[in-house]
Amino acid sequence: MATMTEPKAEKKTLVHYMVESGVAILELDDPPHVLVLRGHGDKFFSAGANISMLNSVTPRFKYYFCLHANETLNRLEHTPKLTIAALNGHTVGGGLEIAMACDIRLAKENAGKIGLPEVNLGVLPGTGGTQRLARIVGKPRAIEMMVKGETFSFDKAKELGLVNEVFPAGDFWDQVMLYAKQFTPPHKASKAVGLIKRSVQSGAEVPFESGLTLERELQQQLFQSEDAKEGIAAYVEKRVAEFKGR
C-alpha cells in the first residue's frame, strides 16, 4: 500500500500584510491556480463550531458569528479560483458547511462521517448549510437529511452527489494532488477553469439573463488572455496546447 506523503512546505509568502495610514492591507500573491482545503491530521476535516464556546456566549454574539461565517464562505465560493475540499476525516456541522462552499469535494475512504446534525442541538445549520445542501442534493432530500440529523459514510455521500470522489486511504493525499494538478498549467488554462467556476457559482444565484451577462463578460476577459490565443492556435495547428495561466 502506498504511503501518504505530505506536501513539502515552500518558503513562499502567499499573503503580504502591511499598514498604510492606519489601514491594514492583506495582499494575496497571484500564482496559485487551484485552492485545496484540508484538515490538520487524520481525524477531522472539520467538526465545525466549538459547542462549548457557543454555550457560553450571548445570542447576539452567535448571530454575528454566523454573519461572519456567511461572508467568509461566500468569498470562498465566488473567488475566481477552483476550490477543492480534501475531506481527510470527519466532516460534520460547520465543517460540512465549509466543504459545501468549495467547488469540489474529495473524500478519504472510511476516514469518518459526514452530515449536518445541528437539529440534535435544537438549532439549524446556520452558516449556509440549509441553502447549499438544498442546491447540491435538492430540497426534499436536503430537508430529510437535516431534520433527521444523521451522519453517514463518505460512500453514501458520493451516492447522493455530495462528494465527487472517494479515494483510498493509503495514497489519499497523492490522489488529491494529482486531481488538483490536472487543472493547472500546462495541462489546463487555469484562468478559464477559475472563470468557469465563477460563472456557475455566481450565475446560478441571479436571474437567467443576468447570468448570461456575467458569462459574456467573463468570456470577453478570456478572449483577451494569452491562454485563449494559445489554445485556439494549438487547435488550428493540430498540436497540444501549452497553457501558462495567463
Protein backbone atom coordinates (compact mmCIF):
# COMPACT_ATOMS: atom_id res chain seq x y z
CA MET A 1 0.00 0.00 0.00
CA ALA A 2 1.35 3.41 -0.92
CA THR A 3 2.29 5.76 1.91
CA MET A 4 0.54 9.10 2.09
CA THR A 5 3.06 11.88 1.68
CA GLU A 6 2.66 15.38 2.99
CA PRO A 7 3.39 18.32 0.68
CA LYS A 8 6.76 19.97 1.30
CA ALA A 9 6.46 23.41 2.80
CA GLU A 10 7.56 26.07 0.36
CA LYS A 11 9.32 29.14 1.67
CA LYS A 12 6.97 31.44 -0.18
CA THR A 13 4.86 34.30 1.14
CA LEU A 14 1.31 33.87 -0.07
CA VAL A 15 -0.20 36.76 1.88
CA HIS A 16 1.50 40.10 2.45
CA TYR A 17 0.39 42.22 5.42
CA MET A 18 1.01 45.94 5.60
CA VAL A 19 -0.41 49.02 7.27
CA GLU A 20 -0.78 52.32 5.47
CA SER A 21 -2.18 55.40 7.22
CA GLY A 22 -3.90 53.24 9.81
CA VAL A 23 -5.38 50.88 7.24
CA ALA A 24 -4.42 47.21 7.34
CA ILE A 25 -3.90 45.71 3.88
CA LEU A 26 -3.83 42.00 3.06
CA GLU A 27 -2.32 41.40 -0.38
CA LEU A 28 -2.57 37.93 -1.94
CA ASP A 29 0.06 36.66 -4.34
CA ASP A 30 -1.38 35.64 -7.69
CA PRO A 31 0.49 32.41 -8.60
CA PRO A 32 -1.84 29.78 -7.03
CA HIS A 33 -4.14 28.29 -9.65
CA VAL A 34 -6.19 25.89 -7.51
CA LEU A 35 -7.02 26.10 -3.79
CA VAL A 36 -7.16 22.91 -1.69
CA LEU A 37 -8.59 22.93 1.85
CA ARG A 38 -7.91 20.08 4.25
CA GLY A 39 -7.97 19.41 7.97
CA HIS A 40 -4.82 19.01 10.05
CA GLY A 41 -4.06 15.40 10.99
CA ASP A 42 -6.15 12.34 10.17
CA LYS A 43 -9.22 12.56 12.42
CA PHE A 44 -11.15 15.60 11.22
CA PHE A 45 -11.57 17.75 8.16
CA SER A 46 -13.60 19.97 10.47
CA ALA A 47 -16.18 19.39 13.18
CA GLY A 48 -17.46 22.94 12.88
CA ALA A 49 -18.06 25.38 15.69
CA ASN A 50 -16.86 24.91 19.26
CA ILE A 51 -20.11 23.94 21.01
CA SER A 52 -18.70 24.76 24.45
CA MET A 53 -17.96 28.28 23.22
CA LEU A 54 -21.48 28.66 21.83
CA ASN A 55 -22.86 27.54 25.18
CA SER A 56 -21.16 30.45 26.94
CA VAL A 57 -21.78 33.42 24.62
CA THR A 58 -24.79 35.64 24.02
CA PRO A 59 -27.36 35.18 21.23
CA ARG A 60 -26.10 38.45 19.75
CA PHE A 61 -22.55 37.05 19.56
CA LYS A 62 -23.89 33.89 17.91
CA TYR A 63 -25.71 35.98 15.31
CA TYR A 64 -22.55 37.85 14.32
CA PHE A 65 -20.60 34.58 14.39
CA CYS A 66 -22.99 33.24 11.71
CA LEU A 67 -22.83 36.50 9.76
CA HIS A 68 -19.03 36.45 9.67
CA ALA A 69 -19.05 32.79 8.58
CA ASN A 70 -21.56 33.58 5.81
CA GLU A 71 -19.39 36.38 4.46
CA THR A 72 -16.21 34.28 4.62
CA LEU A 73 -17.72 31.27 2.86
CA ASN A 74 -19.38 33.46 0.22
CA ARG A 75 -15.97 34.86 -0.68
CA LEU A 76 -14.57 31.33 -0.92
CA GLU A 77 -17.47 30.22 -3.10
CA HIS A 78 -17.23 33.11 -5.56
CA THR A 79 -13.46 33.59 -5.81
CA PRO A 80 -12.27 33.02 -9.41
CA LYS A 81 -10.09 30.06 -8.40
CA LEU A 82 -11.19 26.44 -8.38
CA THR A 83 -11.51 25.30 -4.75
CA ILE A 84 -11.26 21.68 -3.62
CA ALA A 85 -12.13 20.37 -0.15
CA ALA A 86 -9.98 17.34 0.76
CA LEU A 87 -12.10 15.54 3.36
CA ASN A 88 -9.43 13.67 5.31
CA GLY A 89 -11.64 12.93 8.33
CA HIS A 90 -15.00 13.64 9.96
CA THR A 91 -16.83 16.43 8.12
CA VAL A 92 -19.84 17.43 10.19
CA GLY A 93 -21.83 20.52 11.05
CA GLY A 94 -19.93 23.68 10.21
CA GLY A 95 -17.20 21.52 8.70
CA LEU A 96 -19.56 20.30 6.01
CA GLU A 97 -20.78 23.86 5.52
CA ILE A 98 -17.18 24.88 4.76
CA ALA A 99 -16.78 21.94 2.38
CA MET A 100 -20.01 22.80 0.55
CA ALA A 101 -18.69 26.30 -0.14
CA CYS A 102 -15.90 24.65 -2.15
CA ASP A 103 -16.46 23.65 -5.77
CA ILE A 104 -15.36 20.01 -5.48
CA ARG A 105 -15.23 17.61 -2.52
CA LEU A 106 -12.79 14.68 -2.45
CA ALA A 107 -13.10 12.22 0.45
CA LYS A 108 -10.76 9.74 2.11
CA GLU A 109 -12.19 6.22 2.16
CA ASN A 110 -13.54 5.11 5.57
CA ALA A 111 -11.99 8.17 7.23
CA GLY A 112 -15.07 9.43 9.03
CA LYS A 113 -18.67 10.55 8.91
CA ILE A 114 -20.34 13.42 7.12
CA GLY A 115 -23.59 15.25 7.82
CA LEU A 116 -25.44 18.17 9.38
CA PRO A 117 -26.61 17.05 12.87
CA GLU A 118 -27.48 20.53 14.21
CA VAL A 119 -31.15 19.62 14.76
CA ASN A 120 -29.95 17.41 17.64
CA LEU A 121 -28.79 20.60 19.39
CA GLY A 122 -32.12 22.30 18.78
CA VAL A 123 -30.75 24.58 16.05
CA LEU A 124 -30.33 24.57 12.27
CA PRO A 125 -27.17 24.51 10.10
CA GLY A 126 -26.67 28.27 10.31
CA THR A 127 -23.60 29.05 8.26
CA GLY A 128 -25.00 28.29 4.82
CA GLY A 129 -25.93 24.64 5.34
CA THR A 130 -29.67 24.85 4.65
CA GLN A 131 -29.08 26.78 1.43
CA ARG A 132 -26.07 24.98 -0.03
CA LEU A 133 -27.22 21.45 0.78
CA ALA A 134 -30.56 22.09 -0.96
CA ARG A 135 -28.73 23.37 -4.03
CA ILE A 136 -26.48 20.30 -4.14
CA VAL A 137 -28.87 17.40 -3.41
CA GLY A 138 -32.30 19.00 -3.96
CA LYS A 139 -34.83 20.37 -1.48
CA PRO A 140 -36.70 17.18 -0.42
CA ARG A 141 -33.55 15.19 0.26
CA ALA A 142 -31.82 18.13 1.95
CA ILE A 143 -34.76 18.66 4.31
CA GLU A 144 -34.87 14.95 5.16
CA MET A 145 -31.11 14.83 5.86
CA MET A 146 -31.20 17.89 8.11
CA VAL A 147 -34.34 17.08 10.10
CA LYS A 148 -33.07 13.55 10.76
CA GLY A 149 -29.71 14.96 11.82
CA GLU A 150 -27.90 11.77 10.90
CA THR A 151 -24.28 11.39 9.87
CA PHE A 152 -23.28 8.87 7.24
CA SER A 153 -20.33 7.48 5.28
CA PHE A 154 -18.41 9.19 2.51
CA ASP A 155 -19.51 6.42 0.15
CA LYS A 156 -23.15 7.30 0.86
CA ALA A 157 -22.29 10.98 0.34
CA LYS A 158 -20.91 10.13 -3.10
CA GLU A 159 -24.15 8.33 -3.99
CA LEU A 160 -26.04 11.50 -3.01
CA GLY A 161 -23.78 13.72 -5.12
CA LEU A 162 -22.47 15.49 -2.03
CA VAL A 163 -18.94 14.15 -2.60
CA ASN A 164 -17.33 13.99 -6.06
CA GLU A 165 -14.80 11.21 -5.44
CA VAL A 166 -13.73 8.83 -2.67
CA PHE A 167 -10.03 7.93 -2.79
CA PRO A 168 -8.26 5.05 -0.97
CA ALA A 169 -6.80 6.00 2.39
CA GLY A 170 -3.30 4.74 1.60
CA ASP A 171 -2.47 7.34 -1.02
CA PHE A 172 -5.26 9.83 -0.41
CA TRP A 173 -3.15 12.98 -0.45
CA ASP A 174 -1.24 11.87 -3.55
CA GLN A 175 -4.56 11.31 -5.33
CA VAL A 176 -5.86 14.71 -4.22
CA MET A 177 -2.76 16.41 -5.58
CA LEU A 178 -2.95 14.53 -8.87
CA TYR A 179 -6.60 15.52 -9.15
CA ALA A 180 -5.87 19.18 -8.41
CA LYS A 181 -2.86 19.41 -10.74
CA GLN A 182 -4.95 18.47 -13.78
CA PHE A 183 -6.50 21.95 -13.58
CA THR A 184 -3.17 23.80 -13.57
CA PRO A 185 -0.83 24.86 -16.39
CA PRO A 186 0.37 23.48 -18.72
CA HIS A 187 -2.50 20.96 -18.65
CA LYS A 188 -5.36 23.43 -18.37
CA ALA A 189 -5.84 27.15 -18.84
CA SER A 190 -6.33 27.84 -15.14
CA LYS A 191 -7.83 31.27 -15.74
CA ALA A 192 -10.56 29.63 -17.83
CA VAL A 193 -11.06 26.98 -15.12
CA GLY A 194 -11.49 29.69 -12.49
CA LEU A 195 -13.89 31.76 -14.56
CA ILE A 196 -15.99 28.72 -15.47
CA LYS A 197 -16.33 28.17 -11.71
CA ARG A 198 -17.15 31.84 -11.15
CA SER A 199 -19.74 31.88 -13.94
CA VAL A 200 -21.53 28.86 -12.49
CA GLN A 201 -21.33 29.77 -8.80
CA SER A 202 -22.24 33.43 -9.22
CA GLY A 203 -24.55 33.00 -12.21
CA ALA A 204 -26.68 30.36 -10.51
CA GLU A 205 -27.76 32.89 -7.89
CA VAL A 206 -29.10 35.59 -10.26
CA PRO A 207 -31.85 35.70 -12.92
CA PHE A 208 -31.03 33.79 -16.13
CA GLU A 209 -30.48 36.92 -18.25
CA SER A 210 -28.12 38.33 -15.63
CA GLY A 211 -26.26 35.01 -15.63
CA LEU A 212 -25.84 35.25 -19.39
CA THR A 213 -24.49 38.78 -18.98
CA LEU A 214 -21.95 37.56 -16.45
CA GLU A 215 -20.97 34.71 -18.77
CA ARG A 216 -20.38 37.11 -21.70
CA GLU A 217 -18.24 39.44 -19.58
CA LEU A 218 -16.09 36.61 -18.27
CA GLN A 219 -15.75 35.19 -21.77
CA GLN A 220 -14.53 38.56 -23.00
CA GLN A 221 -11.84 38.50 -20.32
CA LEU A 222 -10.73 35.09 -21.54
CA PHE A 223 -10.73 36.11 -25.20
CA GLN A 224 -8.06 38.67 -24.24
CA SER A 225 -5.91 36.12 -22.39
CA GLU A 226 -2.67 34.59 -23.62
CA ASP A 227 -4.01 31.10 -22.94
CA ALA A 228 -7.02 31.58 -25.20
CA LYS A 229 -4.72 32.64 -28.02
CA GLU A 230 -2.53 29.60 -27.35
CA GLY A 231 -5.48 27.20 -27.12
CA ILE A 232 -7.07 28.36 -30.36
CA ALA A 233 -3.73 28.40 -32.20
CA ALA A 234 -2.86 24.90 -30.94
CA TYR A 235 -6.21 23.58 -32.17
CA VAL A 236 -5.70 25.08 -35.63
CA GLU A 237 -2.11 23.81 -35.78
CA LYS A 238 -3.12 20.35 -34.53
CA ARG A 239 -0.76 20.35 -31.53
CA VAL A 240 -1.08 20.09 -27.77
CA ALA A 241 -1.58 23.48 -26.13
CA GLU A 242 0.95 24.64 -23.52
CA PHE A 243 -1.01 26.83 -21.14
CA LYS A 244 0.66 29.32 -18.78
CA GLY A 245 -2.23 30.53 -16.65
CA ARG A 246 -2.17 33.99 -18.23
